[in-house]
Amino acid sequence: MSKEEKKEAEVKEDKKEVKEEEKEITINDLPGVGAATAEKLKEAGFDNLISLAVASPGQLVQAVGLGEASARKLINYCRNHLDMGFETGDQLLKKRAEIEKITTGCKAFDIMIGGGFETGSISEAFGEFGSSKSQIAHVLSVTTQLPKEKGGANGNVVFIDGESTFRPERIQQISKGFGLNPEEVLKNIHVARAFNSDHQMLLAEKAEELIKKHENVKMIIVDSLTSHFRADFTGRGQLADRQQKLNKHMHTLMKLATKYNICVYVTNQVMAKPDTFFGDPTAAIGGNIVGHNSSTRIYLRKGKKGSRVAKLIDSPHLPDGEAAFMVTEEGLKDLD
């Protein structure tokens, strides 16, 4: 082989290596994963490297039937390939630029939460009956579909209805208020009624299939987050089991929020703490499990003359604040 031919062969080899590096690795490309195992992984929801990298060996053993050593090896390979580790602050700042904010239609409310409900995290609204938790859910079902320049995300909505609160007629009213076609808006909202806590958890897991089918899903609403868990697990003897399942449910929602850059809005019920003698005795159901997994927590209560008051009580980057608003036929409106 001449020098020129040898040089040409080396160039071709280099190009081949670059091409292989640029090619995105799929489940089928993983070492030690055959066609049958790859199919089992996909059926169990592990359809990309990220889902495997954040899984535990026990999950793979249970879902696919892999040996623990093989499961650890597979997880470590995915973590090394994705270079999962520390990032600098400026890198995270660039990632934050990808986050979208979805308007409530109420200026005071939007200002309180930093411009709108953020994608990539869970936002929780809790309050007593009639405090407008479900009204906000209906409003967000519409505003998510607004163009980005009007405060929306130009996306579809997944609505997990745990208390039979979803009303298409209400969506039509709000849509008209925002100048949108009510029929088109309804077509972009995918609603599922949850009948118990297990069904609710299953629907959250199945939501990922819907997200993959409709790549433009930008909002997941769970109304209500805790009602079925309270009904299915009664008494102190079942409290630990309830919290364990609720924690798993919250982690599923968190994974969907971060993995697909989706806003997850959950409503929560409240209870009165009998040992509180000063201040507001109202407390959200779910305790620390819900609190730690919700990036933004909003307490809703009834105000004067039919108004509602939203109080921001927890946020990683915003100060506590309050916003008063009215619920009208067209949605949420500022107080004049």
C-alpha atoms as a PDB file:
ATOM      1  CA  MET A   1       0.000   0.000   0.000  1.00  0.00           C
ATOM      2  CA  SER A   2       1.410   3.399  -1.014  1.00  0.00           C
ATOM      3  CA  LYS A   3       1.739   6.344   1.380  1.00  0.00           C
ATOM      4  CA  GLU A   4      -1.180   8.122  -0.294  1.00  0.00           C
ATOM      5  CA  GLU A   5      -3.441   5.066  -0.031  1.00  0.00           C
ATOM      6  CA  LYS A   6      -2.434   4.593   3.605  1.00  0.00           C
ATOM      7  CA  LYS A   7      -3.201   8.227   4.389  1.00  0.00           C
ATOM      8  CA  GLU A   8      -6.561   8.000   2.630  1.00  0.00           C
ATOM      9  CA  ALA A   9      -7.440   4.861   4.627  1.00  0.00           C
ATOM     10  CA  GLU A  10      -6.561   6.636   7.901  1.00  0.00           C
ATOM     11  CA  VAL A  11      -8.789   9.598   6.989  1.00  0.00           C
ATOM     12  CA  LYS A  12     -11.691   7.235   6.251  1.00  0.00           C
ATOM     13  CA  GLU A  13     -11.161   5.481   9.591  1.00  0.00           C
ATOM     14  CA  ASP A  14     -11.134   8.822  11.436  1.00  0.00           C
ATOM     15  CA  LYS A  15     -14.375   9.857   9.733  1.00  0.00           C
ATOM     16  CA  LYS A  16     -15.925   6.529  10.656  1.00  0.00           C
ATOM     17  CA  GLU A  17     -14.979   7.008  14.338  1.00  0.00           C
ATOM     18  CA  VAL A  18     -16.402  10.548  14.381  1.00  0.00           C
ATOM     19  CA  LYS A  19     -19.622   9.306  12.789  1.00  0.00           C
ATOM     20  CA  GLU A  20     -19.941   6.588  15.426  1.00  0.00           C
ATOM     21  CA  GLU A  21     -19.388   9.126  18.203  1.00  0.00           C
ATOM     22  CA  GLU A  22     -22.048  11.423  16.736  1.00  0.00           C
ATOM     23  CA  LYS A  23     -24.558   8.588  16.491  1.00  0.00           C
ATOM     24  CA  GLU A  24     -26.902   8.607  19.466  1.00  0.00           C
ATOM     25  CA  ILE A  25     -26.761   5.378  21.416  1.00  0.00           C
ATOM     26  CA  THR A  26     -30.116   3.652  21.863  1.00  0.00           C
ATOM     27  CA  ILE A  27     -31.200   0.826  24.180  1.00  0.00           C
ATOM     28  CA  ASN A  28     -30.479  -1.707  21.429  1.00  0.00           C
ATOM     29  CA  ASP A  29     -26.866  -0.476  21.171  1.00  0.00           C
ATOM     30  CA  LEU A  30     -26.024  -1.111  24.837  1.00  0.00           C
ATOM     31  CA  PRO A  31     -23.424  -3.820  25.512  1.00  0.00           C
ATOM     32  CA  GLY A  32     -24.913  -7.082  26.737  1.00  0.00           C
ATOM     33  CA  VAL A  33     -28.463  -6.073  25.803  1.00  0.00           C
ATOM     34  CA  GLY A  34     -30.071  -8.351  23.236  1.00  0.00           C
ATOM     35  CA  ALA A  35     -33.274  -7.763  21.290  1.00  0.00           C
ATOM     36  CA  ALA A  36     -35.452  -9.559  23.872  1.00  0.00           C
ATOM     37  CA  THR A  37     -33.976  -7.638  26.831  1.00  0.00           C
ATOM     38  CA  ALA A  38     -34.241  -4.344  24.939  1.00  0.00           C
ATOM     39  CA  GLU A  39     -37.931  -5.010  24.309  1.00  0.00           C
ATOM     40  CA  LYS A  40     -38.517  -5.794  28.002  1.00  0.00           C
ATOM     41  CA  LEU A  41     -36.727  -2.593  29.012  1.00  0.00           C
ATOM     42  CA  LYS A  42     -38.878  -0.510  26.663  1.00  0.00           C
ATOM     43  CA  GLU A  43     -42.078  -2.160  27.888  1.00  0.00           C
ATOM     44  CA  ALA A  44     -41.066  -1.310  31.471  1.00  0.00           C
ATOM     45  CA  GLY A  45     -40.538   2.349  30.501  1.00  0.00           C
ATOM     46  CA  PHE A  46     -36.730   2.268  30.226  1.00  0.00           C
ATOM     47  CA  ASP A  47     -36.560   3.432  26.628  1.00  0.00           C
ATOM     48  CA  ASN A  48     -33.519   5.718  26.737  1.00  0.00           C
ATOM     49  CA  LEU A  49     -30.165   6.054  28.491  1.00  0.00           C
ATOM     50  CA  ILE A  50     -31.369   8.709  30.940  1.00  0.00           C
ATOM     51  CA  SER A  51     -34.160   6.497  32.308  1.00  0.00           C
ATOM     52  CA  LEU A  52     -31.629   3.694  32.862  1.00  0.00           C
ATOM     53  CA  ALA A  53     -28.998   5.983  34.358  1.00  0.00           C
ATOM     54  CA  VAL A  54     -31.353   7.210  37.086  1.00  0.00           C
ATOM     55  CA  ALA A  55     -32.836   3.759  37.801  1.00  0.00           C
ATOM     56  CA  SER A  56     -31.866   1.561  40.734  1.00  0.00           C
ATOM     57  CA  PRO A  57     -30.573  -2.006  40.263  1.00  0.00           C
ATOM     58  CA  GLY A  58     -33.637  -3.286  42.107  1.00  0.00           C
ATOM     59  CA  GLN A  59     -35.965  -1.658  39.572  1.00  0.00           C
ATOM     60  CA  LEU A  60     -34.228  -3.390  36.658  1.00  0.00           C
ATOM     61  CA  VAL A  61     -34.138  -6.731  38.479  1.00  0.00           C
ATOM     62  CA  GLN A  62     -37.874  -6.515  39.175  1.00  0.00           C
ATOM     63  CA  ALA A  63     -38.977  -5.094  35.813  1.00  0.00           C
ATOM     64  CA  VAL A  64     -36.750  -7.023  33.405  1.00  0.00           C
ATOM     65  CA  GLY A  65     -35.402  -9.992  35.352  1.00  0.00           C
ATOM     66  CA  LEU A  66     -31.736  -9.007  35.055  1.00  0.00           C
ATOM     67  CA  GLY A  67     -29.227 -10.204  37.632  1.00  0.00           C
ATOM     68  CA  GLU A  68     -28.183  -7.526  40.126  1.00  0.00           C
ATOM     69  CA  ALA A  69     -24.590  -7.460  38.832  1.00  0.00           C
ATOM     70  CA  SER A  70     -25.790  -7.061  35.229  1.00  0.00           C
ATOM     71  CA  ALA A  71     -28.218  -4.332  36.282  1.00  0.00           C
ATOM     72  CA  ARG A  72     -25.460  -2.367  38.055  1.00  0.00           C
ATOM     73  CA  LYS A  73     -23.141  -2.749  35.063  1.00  0.00           C
ATOM     74  CA  LEU A  74     -25.819  -1.465  32.700  1.00  0.00           C
ATOM     75  CA  ILE A  75     -26.674   1.506  34.929  1.00  0.00           C
ATOM     76  CA  ASN A  76     -22.998   2.448  35.358  1.00  0.00           C
ATOM     77  CA  TYR A  77     -22.416   2.262  31.601  1.00  0.00           C
ATOM     78  CA  CYS A  78     -25.311   4.673  30.975  1.00  0.00           C
ATOM     79  CA  ARG A  79     -24.115   7.055  33.703  1.00  0.00           C
ATOM     80  CA  ASN A  80     -20.569   7.110  32.331  1.00  0.00           C
ATOM     81  CA  HIS A  81     -21.774   7.634  28.767  1.00  0.00           C
ATOM     82  CA  LEU A  82     -24.027  10.530  29.777  1.00  0.00           C
ATOM     83  CA  ASP A  83     -21.290  12.058  31.935  1.00  0.00           C
ATOM     84  CA  MET A  84     -23.674  12.524  34.863  1.00  0.00           C
ATOM     85  CA  GLY A  85     -21.930  14.509  37.546  1.00  0.00           C
ATOM     86  CA  PHE A  86     -21.278  18.051  38.698  1.00  0.00           C
ATOM     87  CA  GLU A  87     -21.988  21.091  36.550  1.00  0.00           C
ATOM     88  CA  THR A  88     -20.876  24.675  36.958  1.00  0.00           C
ATOM     89  CA  GLY A  89     -23.289  27.441  37.861  1.00  0.00           C
ATOM     90  CA  ASP A  90     -23.090  29.058  34.435  1.00  0.00           C
ATOM     91  CA  GLN A  91     -23.982  25.733  32.770  1.00  0.00           C
ATOM     92  CA  LEU A  92     -27.062  25.452  34.965  1.00  0.00           C
ATOM     93  CA  LEU A  93     -27.968  29.056  34.175  1.00  0.00           C
ATOM     94  CA  LYS A  94     -27.972  28.188  30.469  1.00  0.00           C
ATOM     95  CA  LYS A  95     -30.267  25.229  31.187  1.00  0.00           C
ATOM     96  CA  ARG A  96     -32.594  27.525  33.145  1.00  0.00           C
ATOM     97  CA  ALA A  97     -32.998  29.556  29.951  1.00  0.00           C
ATOM     98  CA  GLU A  98     -34.883  26.585  28.448  1.00  0.00           C
ATOM     99  CA  ILE A  99     -37.589  26.818  31.127  1.00  0.00           C
ATOM    100  CA  GLU A 100     -40.907  28.243  29.950  1.00  0.00           C
ATOM    101  CA  LYS A 101     -43.446  30.148  32.042  1.00  0.00           C
ATOM    102  CA  ILE A 102     -47.184  29.735  31.655  1.00  0.00           C
ATOM    103  CA  THR A 103     -49.469  32.634  32.525  1.00  0.00           C
ATOM    104  CA  THR A 104     -52.517  32.498  34.773  1.00  0.00           C
ATOM    105  CA  GLY A 105     -54.069  35.463  32.986  1.00  0.00           C
ATOM    106  CA  CYS A 106     -53.831  37.442  36.231  1.00  0.00           C
ATOM    107  CA  LYS A 107     -50.953  39.932  36.361  1.00  0.00           C
ATOM    108  CA  ALA A 108     -50.632  39.992  40.175  1.00  0.00           C
ATOM    109  CA  PHE A 109     -50.590  36.182  40.345  1.00  0.00           C
ATOM    110  CA  ASP A 110     -47.978  35.935  37.566  1.00  0.00           C
ATOM    111  CA  ILE A 111     -45.721  38.501  39.256  1.00  0.00           C
ATOM    112  CA  MET A 112     -45.932  36.616  42.569  1.00  0.00           C
ATOM    113  CA  ILE A 113     -44.695  33.368  40.964  1.00  0.00           C
ATOM    114  CA  GLY A 114     -41.986  35.001  38.864  1.00  0.00           C
ATOM    115  CA  GLY A 115     -43.822  35.404  35.566  1.00  0.00           C
ATOM    116  CA  GLY A 116     -45.991  32.281  35.472  1.00  0.00           C
ATOM    117  CA  PHE A 117     -45.958  28.584  36.333  1.00  0.00           C
ATOM    118  CA  GLU A 118     -42.572  27.118  35.404  1.00  0.00           C
ATOM    119  CA  THR A 119     -41.934  24.053  33.287  1.00  0.00           C
ATOM    120  CA  GLY A 120     -39.453  21.485  34.578  1.00  0.00           C
ATOM    121  CA  SER A 121     -40.874  21.326  38.104  1.00  0.00           C
ATOM    122  CA  ILE A 122     -43.926  20.576  40.259  1.00  0.00           C
ATOM    123  CA  SER A 123     -46.170  23.387  41.495  1.00  0.00           C
ATOM    124  CA  GLU A 124     -48.649  22.629  44.271  1.00  0.00           C
ATOM    125  CA  ALA A 125     -51.754  24.610  45.189  1.00  0.00           C
ATOM    126  CA  PHE A 126     -53.543  23.701  48.416  1.00  0.00           C
ATOM    127  CA  GLY A 127     -56.561  25.141  50.151  1.00  0.00           C
ATOM    128  CA  GLU A 128     -59.999  24.364  51.500  1.00  0.00           C
ATOM    129  CA  PHE A 129     -63.036  23.527  49.374  1.00  0.00           C
ATOM    130  CA  GLY A 130     -63.972  26.413  47.065  1.00  0.00           C
ATOM    131  CA  SER A 131     -60.582  28.155  47.204  1.00  0.00           C
ATOM    132  CA  SER A 132     -60.196  27.931  43.377  1.00  0.00           C
ATOM    133  CA  LYS A 133     -57.651  25.106  43.075  1.00  0.00           C
ATOM    134  CA  SER A 134     -59.627  23.459  40.274  1.00  0.00           C
ATOM    135  CA  GLN A 135     -60.426  26.805  38.664  1.00  0.00           C
ATOM    136  CA  ILE A 136     -56.699  27.434  38.251  1.00  0.00           C
ATOM    137  CA  ALA A 137     -56.333  23.928  36.792  1.00  0.00           C
ATOM    138  CA  HIS A 138     -58.931  24.772  34.130  1.00  0.00           C
ATOM    139  CA  VAL A 139     -57.283  28.119  33.394  1.00  0.00           C
ATOM    140  CA  LEU A 140     -53.860  26.487  32.948  1.00  0.00           C
ATOM    141  CA  SER A 141     -55.434  23.893  30.635  1.00  0.00           C
ATOM    142  CA  VAL A 142     -56.232  26.807  28.328  1.00  0.00           C
ATOM    143  CA  THR A 143     -53.290  29.189  28.816  1.00  0.00           C
ATOM    144  CA  THR A 144     -50.769  26.400  28.175  1.00  0.00           C
ATOM    145  CA  GLN A 145     -52.074  26.414  24.598  1.00  0.00           C
ATOM    146  CA  LEU A 146     -51.514  30.142  24.087  1.00  0.00           C
ATOM    147  CA  PRO A 147     -48.618  31.237  21.842  1.00  0.00           C
ATOM    148  CA  LYS A 148     -45.370  31.827  23.726  1.00  0.00           C
ATOM    149  CA  GLU A 149     -45.487  35.561  23.008  1.00  0.00           C
ATOM    150  CA  LYS A 150     -48.825  35.698  24.879  1.00  0.00           C
ATOM    151  CA  GLY A 151     -47.570  33.846  27.955  1.00  0.00           C
ATOM    152  CA  GLY A 152     -48.361  30.290  26.917  1.00  0.00           C
ATOM    153  CA  ALA A 153     -46.258  27.312  25.860  1.00  0.00           C
ATOM    154  CA  ASN A 154     -48.109  26.450  22.635  1.00  0.00           C
ATOM    155  CA  GLY A 155     -48.524  22.912  24.003  1.00  0.00           C
ATOM    156  CA  ASN A 156     -50.959  20.140  24.868  1.00  0.00           C
ATOM    157  CA  VAL A 157     -52.273  19.230  28.323  1.00  0.00           C
ATOM    158  CA  VAL A 158     -52.633  15.968  30.276  1.00  0.00           C
ATOM    159  CA  PHE A 159     -55.342  16.182  32.960  1.00  0.00           C
ATOM    160  CA  ILE A 160     -55.567  13.411  35.602  1.00  0.00           C
ATOM    161  CA  ASP A 161     -58.972  13.937  37.194  1.00  0.00           C
ATOM    162  CA  GLY A 162     -59.152  12.398  40.651  1.00  0.00           C
ATOM    163  CA  GLU A 163     -62.308  14.115  41.924  1.00  0.00           C
ATOM    164  CA  SER A 164     -64.450  14.365  38.768  1.00  0.00           C
ATOM    165  CA  THR A 165     -63.835  18.115  38.608  1.00  0.00           C
ATOM    166  CA  PHE A 166     -62.972  18.541  34.921  1.00  0.00           C
ATOM    167  CA  ARG A 167     -65.686  20.395  33.043  1.00  0.00           C
ATOM    168  CA  PRO A 168     -65.449  20.879  29.238  1.00  0.00           C
ATOM    169  CA  GLU A 169     -68.019  23.676  29.505  1.00  0.00           C
ATOM    170  CA  ARG A 170     -65.672  25.633  31.769  1.00  0.00           C
ATOM    171  CA  ILE A 171     -62.847  25.177  29.263  1.00  0.00           C
ATOM    172  CA  GLN A 172     -65.098  26.627  26.554  1.00  0.00           C
ATOM    173  CA  GLN A 173     -65.825  29.717  28.663  1.00  0.00           C
ATOM    174  CA  ILE A 174     -62.156  30.376  29.466  1.00  0.00           C
ATOM    175  CA  SER A 175     -61.088  29.718  25.863  1.00  0.00           C
ATOM    176  CA  LYS A 176     -63.449  32.406  24.586  1.00  0.00           C
ATOM    177  CA  GLY A 177     -62.025  34.809  27.157  1.00  0.00           C
ATOM    178  CA  PHE A 178     -58.532  34.276  25.734  1.00  0.00           C
ATOM    179  CA  GLY A 179     -59.713  34.481  22.128  1.00  0.00           C
ATOM    180  CA  LEU A 180     -59.095  30.806  21.376  1.00  0.00           C
ATOM    181  CA  ASN A 181     -61.269  28.308  19.524  1.00  0.00           C
ATOM    182  CA  PRO A 182     -62.982  26.269  22.298  1.00  0.00           C
ATOM    183  CA  GLU A 183     -63.257  23.109  20.208  1.00  0.00           C
ATOM    184  CA  GLU A 184     -59.575  23.174  19.247  1.00  0.00           C
ATOM    185  CA  VAL A 185     -58.578  23.791  22.867  1.00  0.00           C
ATOM    186  CA  LEU A 186     -60.608  20.785  24.062  1.00  0.00           C
ATOM    187  CA  LYS A 187     -58.973  18.556  21.437  1.00  0.00           C
ATOM    188  CA  ASN A 188     -55.567  19.346  22.965  1.00  0.00           C
ATOM    189  CA  ILE A 189     -56.537  18.326  26.518  1.00  0.00           C
ATOM    190  CA  HIS A 190     -56.152  14.609  27.273  1.00  0.00           C
ATOM    191  CA  VAL A 191     -58.314  13.748  30.305  1.00  0.00           C
ATOM    192  CA  ALA A 192     -58.317  10.531  32.353  1.00  0.00           C
ATOM    193  CA  ARG A 193     -60.490   9.854  35.395  1.00  0.00           C
ATOM    194  CA  ALA A 194     -58.639   8.193  38.296  1.00  0.00           C
ATOM    195  CA  PHE A 195     -60.782   5.888  40.461  1.00  0.00           C
ATOM    196  CA  ASN A 196     -58.298   5.050  43.241  1.00  0.00           C
ATOM    197  CA  SER A 197     -54.681   5.684  44.239  1.00  0.00           C
ATOM    198  CA  ASP A 198     -53.297   2.739  42.255  1.00  0.00           C
ATOM    199  CA  HIS A 199     -55.166   3.864  39.145  1.00  0.00           C
ATOM    200  CA  GLN A 200     -53.882   7.410  39.632  1.00  0.00           C
ATOM    201  CA  MET A 201     -50.286   6.180  39.888  1.00  0.00           C
ATOM    202  CA  LEU A 202     -50.757   4.064  36.767  1.00  0.00           C
ATOM    203  CA  LEU A 203     -52.140   7.031  34.823  1.00  0.00           C
ATOM    204  CA  ALA A 204     -49.098   9.117  35.771  1.00  0.00           C
ATOM    205  CA  GLU A 205     -46.842   6.357  34.457  1.00  0.00           C
ATOM    206  CA  LYS A 206     -48.951   5.969  31.293  1.00  0.00           C
ATOM    207  CA  ALA A 207     -48.730   9.727  30.726  1.00  0.00           C
ATOM    208  CA  GLU A 208     -45.193   9.205  29.428  1.00  0.00           C
ATOM    209  CA  GLU A 209     -46.559   7.198  26.496  1.00  0.00           C
ATOM    210  CA  LEU A 210     -48.895  10.078  25.679  1.00  0.00           C
ATOM    211  CA  ILE A 211     -46.030  12.561  25.950  1.00  0.00           C
ATOM    212  CA  LYS A 212     -43.979  10.553  23.465  1.00  0.00           C
ATOM    213  CA  LYS A 213     -46.925  10.358  21.095  1.00  0.00           C
ATOM    214  CA  HIS A 214     -47.715  14.064  21.437  1.00  0.00           C
ATOM    215  CA  GLU A 215     -44.275  15.613  21.770  1.00  0.00           C
ATOM    216  CA  ASN A 216     -45.751  19.019  22.508  1.00  0.00           C
ATOM    217  CA  VAL A 217     -47.247  18.179  25.936  1.00  0.00           C
ATOM    218  CA  LYS A 218     -46.311  21.076  28.227  1.00  0.00           C
ATOM    219  CA  MET A 219     -48.647  20.661  31.199  1.00  0.00           C
ATOM    220  CA  ILE A 220     -49.680  17.779  33.464  1.00  0.00           C
ATOM    221  CA  ILE A 221     -52.476  18.505  35.933  1.00  0.00           C
ATOM    222  CA  VAL A 222     -53.377  16.219  38.841  1.00  0.00           C
ATOM    223  CA  ASP A 223     -56.608  17.289  40.552  1.00  0.00           C
ATOM    224  CA  SER A 224     -56.495  16.161  43.309  1.00  0.00           C
ATOM    225  CA  LEU A 225     -53.132  14.719  44.266  1.00  0.00           C
ATOM    226  CA  THR A 226     -54.047  13.299  47.675  1.00  0.00           C
ATOM    227  CA  SER A 227     -57.801  12.579  47.764  1.00  0.00           C
ATOM    228  CA  HIS A 228     -57.539   8.909  46.726  1.00  0.00           C
ATOM    229  CA  PHE A 229     -54.542   8.288  48.989  1.00  0.00           C
ATOM    230  CA  ARG A 230     -56.542   9.600  51.961  1.00  0.00           C
ATOM    231  CA  ALA A 231     -59.491   7.373  51.087  1.00  0.00           C
ATOM    232  CA  ASP A 232     -57.452   4.221  50.388  1.00  0.00           C
ATOM    233  CA  PHE A 233     -55.196   4.454  53.453  1.00  0.00           C
ATOM    234  CA  THR A 234     -57.143   5.259  56.610  1.00  0.00           C
ATOM    235  CA  GLY A 235     -55.860   5.333  60.165  1.00  0.00           C
ATOM    236  CA  ARG A 236     -52.381   5.788  61.592  1.00  0.00           C
ATOM    237  CA  GLY A 237     -51.534   2.134  60.991  1.00  0.00           C
ATOM    238  CA  GLN A 238     -51.532   2.708  57.226  1.00  0.00           C
ATOM    239  CA  LEU A 239     -49.830   6.107  57.263  1.00  0.00           C
ATOM    240  CA  ALA A 240     -46.369   4.733  56.409  1.00  0.00           C
ATOM    241  CA  ASP A 241     -47.752   2.762  53.438  1.00  0.00           C
ATOM    242  CA  ARG A 242     -49.637   5.818  52.204  1.00  0.00           C
ATOM    243  CA  GLN A 243     -46.595   8.065  52.386  1.00  0.00           C
ATOM    244  CA  GLN A 244     -44.429   5.486  50.631  1.00  0.00           C
ATOM    245  CA  LYS A 245     -46.831   5.215  47.689  1.00  0.00           C
ATOM    246  CA  LEU A 246     -47.365   8.966  47.587  1.00  0.00           C
ATOM    247  CA  ASN A 247     -43.595   9.465  47.479  1.00  0.00           C
ATOM    248  CA  LYS A 248     -43.319   7.100  44.511  1.00  0.00           C
ATOM    249  CA  HIS A 249     -46.146   8.952  42.753  1.00  0.00           C
ATOM    250  CA  MET A 250     -44.452  12.317  43.303  1.00  0.00           C
ATOM    251  CA  HIS A 251     -41.161  10.959  41.964  1.00  0.00           C
ATOM    252  CA  THR A 252     -42.936   9.774  38.799  1.00  0.00           C
ATOM    253  CA  LEU A 253     -44.372  13.261  38.289  1.00  0.00           C
ATOM    254  CA  MET A 254     -41.001  14.874  39.015  1.00  0.00           C
ATOM    255  CA  LYS A 255     -39.298  12.629  36.469  1.00  0.00           C
ATOM    256  CA  LEU A 256     -41.813  13.649  33.806  1.00  0.00           C
ATOM    257  CA  ALA A 257     -41.381  17.335  34.659  1.00  0.00           C
ATOM    258  CA  THR A 258     -37.580  17.322  34.440  1.00  0.00           C
ATOM    259  CA  LYS A 259     -37.152  14.787  31.641  1.00  0.00           C
ATOM    260  CA  TYR A 260     -39.578  16.472  29.229  1.00  0.00           C
ATOM    261  CA  ASN A 261     -39.464  20.081  30.526  1.00  0.00           C
ATOM    262  CA  ILE A 262     -43.145  19.990  31.504  1.00  0.00           C
ATOM    263  CA  CYS A 263     -45.039  22.002  34.108  1.00  0.00           C
ATOM    264  CA  VAL A 264     -46.760  19.722  36.633  1.00  0.00           C
ATOM    265  CA  TYR A 265     -49.584  21.421  38.551  1.00  0.00           C
ATOM    266  CA  VAL A 266     -51.106  19.460  41.438  1.00  0.00           C
ATOM    267  CA  THR A 267     -53.937  20.421  43.759  1.00  0.00           C
ATOM    268  CA  ASN A 268     -53.913  19.299  47.364  1.00  0.00           C
ATOM    269  CA  GLN A 269     -56.454  19.014  50.139  1.00  0.00           C
ATOM    270  CA  VAL A 270     -56.001  20.465  53.612  1.00  0.00           C
ATOM    271  CA  MET A 271     -56.694  19.593  57.218  1.00  0.00           C
ATOM    272  CA  ALA A 272     -56.920  21.628  60.400  1.00  0.00           C
ATOM    273  CA  LYS A 273     -54.190  21.041  62.980  1.00  0.00           C
ATOM    274  CA  PRO A 274     -55.967  20.761  66.369  1.00  0.00           C
ATOM    275  CA  ASP A 275     -52.830  21.666  68.346  1.00  0.00           C
ATOM    276  CA  THR A 276     -52.479  25.101  66.696  1.00  0.00           C
ATOM    277  CA  PHE A 277     -53.649  27.834  69.074  1.00  0.00           C
ATOM    278  CA  PHE A 278     -52.248  30.859  67.229  1.00  0.00           C
ATOM    279  CA  GLY A 279     -52.291  31.656  63.521  1.00  0.00           C
ATOM    280  CA  ASP A 280     -53.862  29.693  60.680  1.00  0.00           C
ATOM    281  CA  PRO A 281     -54.342  26.005  61.628  1.00  0.00           C
ATOM    282  CA  THR A 282     -54.683  24.933  57.968  1.00  0.00           C
ATOM    283  CA  ALA A 283     -52.062  22.420  56.794  1.00  0.00           C
ATOM    284  CA  ALA A 284     -51.620  20.597  53.485  1.00  0.00           C
ATOM    285  CA  ILE A 285     -52.139  16.826  53.295  1.00  0.00           C
ATOM    286  CA  GLY A 286     -49.115  14.671  52.502  1.00  0.00           C
ATOM    287  CA  GLY A 287     -46.639  16.251  54.904  1.00  0.00           C
ATOM    288  CA  ASN A 288     -42.974  16.495  53.950  1.00  0.00           C
ATOM    289  CA  ILE A 289     -43.328  13.992  51.087  1.00  0.00           C
ATOM    290  CA  VAL A 290     -45.415  16.444  49.068  1.00  0.00           C
ATOM    291  CA  GLY A 291     -43.635  19.519  50.383  1.00  0.00           C
ATOM    292  CA  HIS A 292     -40.122  18.386  49.485  1.00  0.00           C
ATOM    293  CA  ASN A 293     -41.124  17.326  45.967  1.00  0.00           C
ATOM    294  CA  SER A 294     -43.003  20.535  45.125  1.00  0.00           C
ATOM    295  CA  SER A 295     -40.732  23.350  43.967  1.00  0.00           C
ATOM    296  CA  THR A 296     -43.479  25.953  44.270  1.00  0.00           C
ATOM    297  CA  ARG A 297     -46.180  25.809  46.966  1.00  0.00           C
ATOM    298  CA  ILE A 298     -49.206  28.105  46.922  1.00  0.00           C
ATOM    299  CA  TYR A 299     -51.799  28.407  49.672  1.00  0.00           C
ATOM    300  CA  LEU A 300     -55.232  29.473  48.390  1.00  0.00           C
ATOM    301  CA  ARG A 301     -57.973  30.951  50.569  1.00  0.00           C
ATOM    302  CA  LYS A 302     -61.160  32.945  50.239  1.00  0.00           C
ATOM    303  CA  GLY A 303     -60.815  36.712  50.408  1.00  0.00           C
ATOM    304  CA  LYS A 304     -63.214  39.624  50.809  1.00  0.00           C
ATOM    305  CA  LYS A 305     -66.214  40.221  48.540  1.00  0.00           C
ATOM    306  CA  GLY A 306     -65.883  36.941  46.663  1.00  0.00           C
ATOM    307  CA  SER A 307     -62.184  37.338  45.886  1.00  0.00           C
ATOM    308  CA  ARG A 308     -59.495  34.698  46.336  1.00  0.00           C
ATOM    309  CA  VAL A 309     -56.016  35.132  47.814  1.00  0.00           C
ATOM    310  CA  ALA A 310     -52.985  33.160  46.646  1.00  0.00           C
ATOM    311  CA  LYS A 311     -50.026  33.086  49.020  1.00  0.00           C
ATOM    312  CA  LEU A 312     -46.621  31.863  47.868  1.00  0.00           C
ATOM    313  CA  ILE A 313     -45.229  29.992  50.855  1.00  0.00           C
ATOM    314  CA  ASP A 314     -42.313  28.128  49.294  1.00  0.00           C
ATOM    315  CA  SER A 315     -40.090  28.666  46.263  1.00  0.00           C
ATOM    316  CA  PRO A 316     -36.385  27.996  45.662  1.00  0.00           C
ATOM    317  CA  HIS A 317     -35.785  31.453  44.172  1.00  0.00           C
ATOM    318  CA  LEU A 318     -38.729  33.740  45.001  1.00  0.00           C
ATOM    319  CA  PRO A 319     -39.702  35.597  48.195  1.00  0.00           C
ATOM    320  CA  ASP A 320     -42.998  34.900  49.945  1.00  0.00           C
ATOM    321  CA  GLY A 321     -45.828  36.978  48.556  1.00  0.00           C
ATOM    322  CA  GLU A 322     -49.570  37.339  48.101  1.00  0.00           C
ATOM    323  CA  ALA A 323     -51.860  38.052  45.164  1.00  0.00           C
ATOM    324  CA  ALA A 324     -55.598  38.720  45.265  1.00  0.00           C
ATOM    325  CA  PHE A 325     -57.789  37.883  42.283  1.00  0.00           C
ATOM    326  CA  MET A 326     -61.338  37.249  41.140  1.00  0.00           C
ATOM    327  CA  VAL A 327     -62.601  34.143  39.379  1.00  0.00           C
ATOM    328  CA  THR A 328     -64.766  35.212  36.443  1.00  0.00           C
ATOM    329  CA  GLU A 329     -66.367  33.447  33.501  1.00  0.00           C
ATOM    330  CA  GLU A 330     -63.253  34.262  31.444  1.00  0.00           C
ATOM    331  CA  GLY A 331     -60.748  32.992  34.026  1.00  0.00           C
ATOM    332  CA  LEU A 332     -58.699  34.770  36.696  1.00  0.00           C
ATOM    333  CA  LYS A 333     -58.774  38.565  36.817  1.00  0.00           C
ATOM    334  CA  ASP A 334     -56.864  41.187  38.814  1.00  0.00           C
ATOM    335  CA  LEU A 335     -58.727  43.229  41.402  1.00  0.00           C
ATOM    336  CA  ASP A 336     -59.350  46.760  40.142  1.00  0.00           C
END
